[in-house]
Amino acid sequence: MENENLEFFKLDHIDRKVLLWLVDHVPEKSITAWIDYTASEYQYKKAIRIDKEKLFKEVQENDPK
């Protein structure tokens, strides 16, 4: 996840940490719900568009499980 063009790096530092924690501790359905909510908040409050499906794929591809 070193490429700054990734959706993951559109998240702020805290949200990245939260997402990585979620990947290790909660079911997949909860992760997708958090991504949906967070992407909506970023769009509404910060005018940052996040591709939810792409973000979820990036996190799954880099999950060491």
Protein backbone atom coordinates (compact mmCIF):
# COMPACT_ATOMS: atom_id res chain seq x y z
CA MET A 1 0.00 0.00 0.00
CA GLU A 2 2.82 2.38 -0.72
CA ASN A 3 1.35 3.95 -3.85
CA GLU A 4 -0.21 7.28 -2.87
CA ASN A 5 -2.84 6.89 -5.61
CA LEU A 6 -4.54 4.10 -3.67
CA GLU A 7 -7.92 4.74 -2.08
CA PHE A 8 -6.45 3.72 1.28
CA PHE A 9 -4.25 6.81 1.33
CA LYS A 10 -7.21 9.12 0.80
CA LEU A 11 -8.19 8.29 4.38
CA ASP A 12 -6.65 10.31 7.17
CA HIS A 13 -4.17 8.67 9.55
CA ILE A 14 -6.73 7.73 12.21
CA ASP A 15 -9.20 6.25 9.73
CA ARG A 16 -6.43 4.14 8.20
CA LYS A 17 -5.60 2.77 11.64
CA VAL A 18 -9.28 2.08 12.34
CA LEU A 19 -9.69 0.25 9.05
CA LEU A 20 -6.64 -1.92 9.65
CA TRP A 21 -7.88 -2.73 13.16
CA LEU A 22 -11.31 -3.66 11.79
CA VAL A 23 -9.73 -6.05 9.28
CA ASP A 24 -8.13 -7.97 12.13
CA HIS A 25 -11.05 -7.95 14.58
CA VAL A 26 -14.48 -7.88 12.95
CA PRO A 27 -16.45 -9.78 10.27
CA GLU A 28 -16.24 -8.71 6.64
CA LYS A 29 -19.80 -7.35 6.70
CA SER A 30 -18.84 -4.86 9.42
CA ILE A 31 -15.83 -3.71 7.41
CA THR A 32 -17.97 -3.01 4.34
CA ALA A 33 -20.49 -1.12 6.48
CA TRP A 34 -17.71 1.03 7.97
CA ILE A 35 -16.26 1.71 4.50
CA ASP A 36 -19.70 2.71 3.18
CA TYR A 37 -20.26 5.08 6.10
CA THR A 38 -16.77 6.57 5.97
CA ALA A 39 -16.84 7.08 2.20
CA SER A 40 -20.16 8.93 2.53
CA GLU A 41 -18.77 11.12 5.31
CA TYR A 42 -15.64 11.96 3.31
CA GLN A 43 -17.77 12.87 0.28
CA TYR A 44 -20.14 15.05 2.31
CA LYS A 45 -17.77 16.71 4.79
CA LYS A 46 -14.43 16.81 2.97
CA ALA A 47 -15.45 16.57 -0.71
CA ILE A 48 -13.15 13.56 -1.12
CA ARG A 49 -14.53 10.81 -3.30
CA ILE A 50 -13.53 7.29 -2.24
CA ASP A 51 -14.24 4.23 -4.38
CA LYS A 52 -15.65 1.85 -1.78
CA GLU A 53 -15.17 -1.35 -3.75
CA LYS A 54 -11.60 -0.46 -4.66
CA LEU A 55 -10.78 0.40 -1.03
CA PHE A 56 -12.19 -2.91 0.18
CA LYS A 57 -10.18 -4.83 -2.45
CA GLU A 58 -6.98 -3.00 -1.48
CA VAL A 59 -7.45 -3.90 2.17
CA GLN A 60 -8.30 -7.54 1.41
CA GLU A 61 -5.31 -7.93 -0.93
CA ASN A 62 -2.92 -6.64 1.73
CA ASP A 63 -4.39 -8.58 4.64
CA PRO A 64 -1.75 -11.06 5.84
CA LYS A 65 -4.36 -13.62 7.08
